[in-house]
Amino acid sequence: MSALFNFHSFLTVVLLVICTCTFLKMQFPAILEQKTGFRGFFWKAARIGERLSPWVALGCFTMGVSIIFF
């Protein structure tokens, strides 16, 4: 089933995109300099990961536990 039709999978994909973009921005800042267009979406995801990192980490932990046990 596609991640767009299953809410649990959709949340997993969103968390993975946020975490991946934040990591890439920290390692290679030049990749996500553009704030508009297609790469602007990834810049915004990285910004969410930077500013809300405790909440994103809690979401990743909760999602990991739910995937393992449920």
PDB file of N, CA and C in Angstrom:
ATOM      1  N   MET A   1       0.847  -1.178   0.000  1.00  0.00           N
ATOM      2  CA  MET A   1       0.000   0.000   0.000  1.00  0.00           C
ATOM      3  C   MET A   1       0.897   1.248   0.000  1.00  0.00           C
ATOM      4  N   SER A   2       0.477   2.244  -0.697  1.00  0.00           N
ATOM      5  CA  SER A   2       1.245   3.482  -0.805  1.00  0.00           C
ATOM      6  C   SER A   2       1.261   4.232   0.526  1.00  0.00           C
ATOM      7  N   ALA A   3       2.330   4.970   0.750  1.00  0.00           N
ATOM      8  CA  ALA A   3       2.444   5.748   1.993  1.00  0.00           C
ATOM      9  C   ALA A   3       1.446   6.895   2.040  1.00  0.00           C
ATOM     10  N   LEU A   4       0.886   7.267   0.903  1.00  0.00           N
ATOM     11  CA  LEU A   4      -0.089   8.353   0.894  1.00  0.00           C
ATOM     12  C   LEU A   4      -1.455   7.915   1.414  1.00  0.00           C
ATOM     13  N   PHE A   5      -1.759   6.630   1.327  1.00  0.00           N
ATOM     14  CA  PHE A   5      -3.065   6.136   1.725  1.00  0.00           C
ATOM     15  C   PHE A   5      -3.090   5.541   3.122  1.00  0.00           C
ATOM     16  N   ASN A   6      -1.933   5.299   3.691  1.00  0.00           N
ATOM     17  CA  ASN A   6      -1.829   4.747   5.029  1.00  0.00           C
ATOM     18  C   ASN A   6      -1.228   5.831   5.935  1.00  0.00           C
ATOM     19  N   PHE A   7      -1.982   6.296   6.927  1.00  0.00           N
ATOM     20  CA  PHE A   7      -1.552   7.425   7.744  1.00  0.00           C
ATOM     21  C   PHE A   7      -0.277   7.115   8.522  1.00  0.00           C
ATOM     22  N   HIS A   8      -0.149   5.906   9.032  1.00  0.00           N
ATOM     23  CA  HIS A   8       1.050   5.509   9.786  1.00  0.00           C
ATOM     24  C   HIS A   8       2.285   5.577   8.888  1.00  0.00           C
ATOM     25  N   SER A   9       2.174   5.076   7.670  1.00  0.00           N
ATOM     26  CA  SER A   9       3.301   5.127   6.732  1.00  0.00           C
ATOM     27  C   SER A   9       3.604   6.557   6.309  1.00  0.00           C
ATOM     28  N   PHE A  10       2.567   7.363   6.145  1.00  0.00           N
ATOM     29  CA  PHE A  10       2.760   8.762   5.784  1.00  0.00           C
ATOM     30  C   PHE A  10       3.556   9.504   6.857  1.00  0.00           C
ATOM     31  N   LEU A  11       3.204   9.293   8.133  1.00  0.00           N
ATOM     32  CA  LEU A  11       3.954   9.937   9.217  1.00  0.00           C
ATOM     33  C   LEU A  11       5.399   9.461   9.252  1.00  0.00           C
ATOM     34  N   THR A  12       5.629   8.189   8.976  1.00  0.00           N
ATOM     35  CA  THR A  12       6.991   7.665   8.937  1.00  0.00           C
ATOM     36  C   THR A  12       7.801   8.343   7.837  1.00  0.00           C
ATOM     37  N   VAL A  13       7.207   8.490   6.668  1.00  0.00           N
ATOM     38  CA  VAL A  13       7.907   9.132   5.547  1.00  0.00           C
ATOM     39  C   VAL A  13       8.197  10.598   5.865  1.00  0.00           C
ATOM     40  N   VAL A  14       7.248  11.299   6.456  1.00  0.00           N
ATOM     41  CA  VAL A  14       7.458  12.709   6.803  1.00  0.00           C
ATOM     42  C   VAL A  14       8.593  12.851   7.816  1.00  0.00           C
ATOM     43  N   LEU A  15       8.607  12.011   8.833  1.00  0.00           N
ATOM     44  CA  LEU A  15       9.693  12.080   9.825  1.00  0.00           C
ATOM     45  C   LEU A  15      11.043  11.761   9.197  1.00  0.00           C
ATOM     46  N   LEU A  16      11.082  10.779   8.312  1.00  0.00           N
ATOM     47  CA  LEU A  16      12.344  10.445   7.652  1.00  0.00           C
ATOM     48  C   LEU A  16      12.833  11.577   6.755  1.00  0.00           C
ATOM     49  N   VAL A  17      11.926  12.255   6.068  1.00  0.00           N
ATOM     50  CA  VAL A  17      12.318  13.390   5.217  1.00  0.00           C
ATOM     51  C   VAL A  17      12.868  14.519   6.079  1.00  0.00           C
ATOM     52  N   ILE A  18      12.211  14.823   7.182  1.00  0.00           N
ATOM     53  CA  ILE A  18      12.672  15.897   8.066  1.00  0.00           C
ATOM     54  C   ILE A  18      14.051  15.570   8.626  1.00  0.00           C
ATOM     55  N   CYS A  19      14.228  14.355   9.111  1.00  0.00           N
ATOM     56  CA  CYS A  19      15.527  13.977   9.695  1.00  0.00           C
ATOM     57  C   CYS A  19      16.633  13.939   8.647  1.00  0.00           C
ATOM     58  N   THR A  20      16.325  13.435   7.462  1.00  0.00           N
ATOM     59  CA  THR A  20      17.332  13.365   6.402  1.00  0.00           C
ATOM     60  C   THR A  20      17.737  14.759   5.926  1.00  0.00           C
ATOM     61  N   CYS A  21      16.767  15.632   5.739  1.00  0.00           N
ATOM     62  CA  CYS A  21      17.083  16.994   5.287  1.00  0.00           C
ATOM     63  C   CYS A  21      17.898  17.759   6.327  1.00  0.00           C
ATOM     64  N   THR A  22      17.560  17.566   7.589  1.00  0.00           N
ATOM     65  CA  THR A  22      18.320  18.236   8.645  1.00  0.00           C
ATOM     66  C   THR A  22      19.759  17.738   8.678  1.00  0.00           C
ATOM     67  N   PHE A  23      19.950  16.431   8.541  1.00  0.00           N
ATOM     68  CA  PHE A  23      21.299  15.870   8.523  1.00  0.00           C
ATOM     69  C   PHE A  23      22.083  16.391   7.321  1.00  0.00           C
ATOM     70  N   LEU A  24      21.461  16.401   6.153  1.00  0.00           N
ATOM     71  CA  LEU A  24      22.160  16.888   4.958  1.00  0.00           C
ATOM     72  C   LEU A  24      22.512  18.358   5.069  1.00  0.00           C
ATOM     73  N   LYS A  25      21.644  19.146   5.671  1.00  0.00           N
ATOM     74  CA  LYS A  25      21.940  20.577   5.823  1.00  0.00           C
ATOM     75  C   LYS A  25      23.109  20.794   6.784  1.00  0.00           C
ATOM     76  N   MET A  26      23.209  19.959   7.799  1.00  0.00           N
ATOM     77  CA  MET A  26      24.332  20.093   8.738  1.00  0.00           C
ATOM     78  C   MET A  26      25.653  19.639   8.103  1.00  0.00           C
ATOM     79  N   GLN A  27      25.608  18.601   7.274  1.00  0.00           N
ATOM     80  CA  GLN A  27      26.830  18.071   6.669  1.00  0.00           C
ATOM     81  C   GLN A  27      27.250  18.841   5.414  1.00  0.00           C
ATOM     82  N   PHE A  28      26.269  19.196   4.576  1.00  0.00           N
ATOM     83  CA  PHE A  28      26.537  19.872   3.303  1.00  0.00           C
ATOM     84  C   PHE A  28      25.602  21.077   3.174  1.00  0.00           C
ATOM     85  N   PRO A  29      25.940  22.202   3.792  1.00  0.00           N
ATOM     86  CA  PRO A  29      25.024  23.354   3.797  1.00  0.00           C
ATOM     87  C   PRO A  29      24.745  23.941   2.417  1.00  0.00           C
ATOM     88  N   ALA A  30      25.656  23.778   1.470  1.00  0.00           N
ATOM     89  CA  ALA A  30      25.470  24.369   0.145  1.00  0.00           C
ATOM     90  C   ALA A  30      24.340  23.697  -0.635  1.00  0.00           C
ATOM     91  N   ILE A  31      24.016  22.460  -0.291  1.00  0.00           N
ATOM     92  CA  ILE A  31      22.971  21.733  -1.027  1.00  0.00           C
ATOM     93  C   ILE A  31      21.606  22.375  -0.808  1.00  0.00           C
ATOM     94  N   LEU A  32      21.330  22.814   0.403  1.00  0.00           N
ATOM     95  CA  LEU A  32      20.003  23.330   0.729  1.00  0.00           C
ATOM     96  C   LEU A  32      20.001  24.844   0.962  1.00  0.00           C
ATOM     97  N   GLU A  33      20.746  25.587   0.148  1.00  0.00           N
ATOM     98  CA  GLU A  33      20.758  27.045   0.282  1.00  0.00           C
ATOM     99  C   GLU A  33      19.543  27.683  -0.365  1.00  0.00           C
ATOM    100  N   GLN A  34      19.027  27.072  -1.414  1.00  0.00           N
ATOM    101  CA  GLN A  34      17.912  27.650  -2.163  1.00  0.00           C
ATOM    102  C   GLN A  34      16.615  27.510  -1.365  1.00  0.00           C
ATOM    103  N   LYS A  35      15.932  28.645  -1.148  1.00  0.00           N
ATOM    104  CA  LYS A  35      14.737  28.647  -0.310  1.00  0.00           C
ATOM    105  C   LYS A  35      13.448  28.614  -1.113  1.00  0.00           C
ATOM    106  N   THR A  36      13.538  28.586  -2.421  1.00  0.00           N
ATOM    107  CA  THR A  36      12.341  28.551  -3.259  1.00  0.00           C
ATOM    108  C   THR A  36      12.447  27.387  -4.232  1.00  0.00           C
ATOM    109  N   GLY A  37      11.323  27.043  -4.833  1.00  0.00           N
ATOM    110  CA  GLY A  37      11.314  25.973  -5.823  1.00  0.00           C
ATOM    111  C   GLY A  37      11.282  24.598  -5.180  1.00  0.00           C
ATOM    112  N   PHE A  38      11.716  23.621  -5.955  1.00  0.00           N
ATOM    113  CA  PHE A  38      11.676  22.226  -5.497  1.00  0.00           C
ATOM    114  C   PHE A  38      12.573  21.994  -4.286  1.00  0.00           C
ATOM    115  N   ARG A  39      13.793  22.536  -4.332  1.00  0.00           N
ATOM    116  CA  ARG A  39      14.699  22.362  -3.185  1.00  0.00           C
ATOM    117  C   ARG A  39      14.264  23.185  -1.981  1.00  0.00           C
ATOM    118  N   GLY A  40      13.390  24.148  -2.184  1.00  0.00           N
ATOM    119  CA  GLY A  40      12.853  24.923  -1.073  1.00  0.00           C
ATOM    120  C   GLY A  40      12.032  24.078  -0.124  1.00  0.00           C
ATOM    121  N   PHE A  41      11.351  23.068  -0.653  1.00  0.00           N
ATOM    122  CA  PHE A  41      10.599  22.137   0.192  1.00  0.00           C
ATOM    123  C   PHE A  41      11.543  21.429   1.161  1.00  0.00           C
ATOM    124  N   PHE A  42      12.695  20.978   0.666  1.00  0.00           N
ATOM    125  CA  PHE A  42      13.660  20.288   1.519  1.00  0.00           C
ATOM    126  C   PHE A  42      14.334  21.251   2.496  1.00  0.00           C
ATOM    127  N   TRP A  43      14.520  22.516   2.066  1.00  0.00           N
ATOM    128  CA  TRP A  43      15.056  23.524   2.981  1.00  0.00           C
ATOM    129  C   TRP A  43      14.091  23.736   4.147  1.00  0.00           C
ATOM    130  N   LYS A  44      12.785  23.779   3.841  1.00  0.00           N
ATOM    131  CA  LYS A  44      11.779  23.954   4.892  1.00  0.00           C
ATOM    132  C   LYS A  44      11.740  22.752   5.825  1.00  0.00           C
ATOM    133  N   ALA A  45      11.897  21.563   5.284  1.00  0.00           N
ATOM    134  CA  ALA A  45      11.931  20.362   6.125  1.00  0.00           C
ATOM    135  C   ALA A  45      13.149  20.398   7.047  1.00  0.00           C
ATOM    136  N   ALA A  46      14.288  20.854   6.525  1.00  0.00           N
ATOM    137  CA  ALA A  46      15.487  20.968   7.352  1.00  0.00           C
ATOM    138  C   ALA A  46      15.303  22.020   8.441  1.00  0.00           C
ATOM    139  N   ARG A  47      14.621  23.114   8.106  1.00  0.00           N
ATOM    140  CA  ARG A  47      14.360  24.163   9.096  1.00  0.00           C
ATOM    141  C   ARG A  47      13.461  23.641  10.220  1.00  0.00           C
ATOM    142  N   ILE A  48      12.463  22.852   9.867  1.00  0.00           N
ATOM    143  CA  ILE A  48      11.596  22.239  10.883  1.00  0.00           C
ATOM    144  C   ILE A  48      12.424  21.332  11.783  1.00  0.00           C
ATOM    145  N   GLY A  49      13.318  20.552  11.187  1.00  0.00           N
ATOM    146  CA  GLY A  49      14.168  19.661  11.974  1.00  0.00           C
ATOM    147  C   GLY A  49      15.118  20.402  12.900  1.00  0.00           C
ATOM    148  N   GLU A  50      15.594  21.573  12.446  1.00  0.00           N
ATOM    149  CA  GLU A  50      16.493  22.361  13.288  1.00  0.00           C
ATOM    150  C   GLU A  50      15.761  22.996  14.459  1.00  0.00           C
ATOM    151  N   ARG A  51      14.629  23.602  14.187  1.00  0.00           N
ATOM    152  CA  ARG A  51      13.933  24.382  15.215  1.00  0.00           C
ATOM    153  C   ARG A  51      13.119  23.519  16.172  1.00  0.00           C
ATOM    154  N   LEU A  52      12.605  22.411  15.694  1.00  0.00           N
ATOM    155  CA  LEU A  52      11.764  21.558  16.530  1.00  0.00           C
ATOM    156  C   LEU A  52      12.457  20.227  16.830  1.00  0.00           C
ATOM    157  N   SER A  53      13.786  20.244  16.949  1.00  0.00           N
ATOM    158  CA  SER A  53      14.524  18.993  17.088  1.00  0.00           C
ATOM    159  C   SER A  53      14.099  18.134  18.283  1.00  0.00           C
ATOM    160  N   PRO A  54      13.780  18.682  19.456  1.00  0.00           N
ATOM    161  CA  PRO A  54      13.329  17.781  20.532  1.00  0.00           C
ATOM    162  C   PRO A  54      12.015  17.091  20.181  1.00  0.00           C
ATOM    163  N   TRP A  55      11.109  17.795  19.529  1.00  0.00           N
ATOM    164  CA  TRP A  55       9.820  17.209  19.153  1.00  0.00           C
ATOM    165  C   TRP A  55       9.985  16.205  18.019  1.00  0.00           C
ATOM    166  N   VAL A  56      10.864  16.504  17.073  1.00  0.00           N
ATOM    167  CA  VAL A  56      11.128  15.566  15.983  1.00  0.00           C
ATOM    168  C   VAL A  56      11.780  14.302  16.533  1.00  0.00           C
ATOM    169  N   ALA A  57      12.707  14.459  17.466  1.00  0.00           N
ATOM    170  CA  ALA A  57      13.342  13.298  18.076  1.00  0.00           C
ATOM    171  C   ALA A  57      12.330  12.451  18.836  1.00  0.00           C
ATOM    172  N   LEU A  58      11.435  13.096  19.556  1.00  0.00           N
ATOM    173  CA  LEU A  58      10.385  12.364  20.260  1.00  0.00           C
ATOM    174  C   LEU A  58       9.470  11.645  19.270  1.00  0.00           C
ATOM    175  N   GLY A  59       9.147  12.304  18.176  1.00  0.00           N
ATOM    176  CA  GLY A  59       8.336  11.667  17.145  1.00  0.00           C
ATOM    177  C   GLY A  59       9.026  10.475  16.516  1.00  0.00           C
ATOM    178  N   CYS A  60      10.327  10.586  16.252  1.00  0.00           N
ATOM    179  CA  CYS A  60      11.083   9.459  15.700  1.00  0.00           C
ATOM    180  C   CYS A  60      11.135   8.297  16.678  1.00  0.00           C
ATOM    181  N   PHE A  61      11.352   8.599  17.942  1.00  0.00           N
ATOM    182  CA  PHE A  61      11.392   7.549  18.956  1.00  0.00           C
ATOM    183  C   PHE A  61      10.033   6.853  19.071  1.00  0.00           C
ATOM    184  N   THR A  62       8.974   7.646  19.114  1.00  0.00           N
ATOM    185  CA  THR A  62       7.626   7.081  19.217  1.00  0.00           C
ATOM    186  C   THR A  62       7.289   6.251  17.985  1.00  0.00           C
ATOM    187  N   MET A  63       7.653   6.730  16.815  1.00  0.00           N
ATOM    188  CA  MET A  63       7.380   5.989  15.590  1.00  0.00           C
ATOM    189  C   MET A  63       8.176   4.697  15.556  1.00  0.00           C
ATOM    190  N   GLY A  64       9.417   4.730  16.022  1.00  0.00           N
ATOM    191  CA  GLY A  64      10.222   3.514  16.078  1.00  0.00           C
ATOM    192  C   GLY A  64       9.625   2.472  17.008  1.00  0.00           C
ATOM    193  N   VAL A  65       9.182   2.920  18.166  1.00  0.00           N
ATOM    194  CA  VAL A  65       8.560   1.993  19.125  1.00  0.00           C
ATOM    195  C   VAL A  65       7.270   1.410  18.538  1.00  0.00           C
ATOM    196  N   SER A  66       6.479   2.262  17.878  1.00  0.00           N
ATOM    197  CA  SER A  66       5.219   1.755  17.317  1.00  0.00           C
ATOM    198  C   SER A  66       5.455   0.797  16.166  1.00  0.00           C
ATOM    199  N   ILE A  67       6.519   1.001  15.388  1.00  0.00           N
ATOM    200  CA  ILE A  67       6.817   0.081  14.298  1.00  0.00           C
ATOM    201  C   ILE A  67       7.303  -1.261  14.849  1.00  0.00           C
ATOM    202  N   ILE A  68       8.108  -1.221  15.898  1.00  0.00           N
ATOM    203  CA  ILE A  68       8.645  -2.464  16.453  1.00  0.00           C
ATOM    204  C   ILE A  68       7.561  -3.285  17.159  1.00  0.00           C
ATOM    205  N   PHE A  69       6.729  -2.632  17.939  1.00  0.00           N
ATOM    206  CA  PHE A  69       5.791  -3.369  18.787  1.00  0.00           C
ATOM    207  C   PHE A  69       4.369  -3.469  18.236  1.00  0.00           C
ATOM    208  N   PHE A  70       4.014  -2.679  17.244  1.00  0.00           N
ATOM    209  CA  PHE A  70       2.621  -2.711  16.756  1.00  0.00           C
ATOM    210  C   PHE A  70       2.604  -2.994  15.311  1.00  0.00           C
TER     211      PHE A  70
END
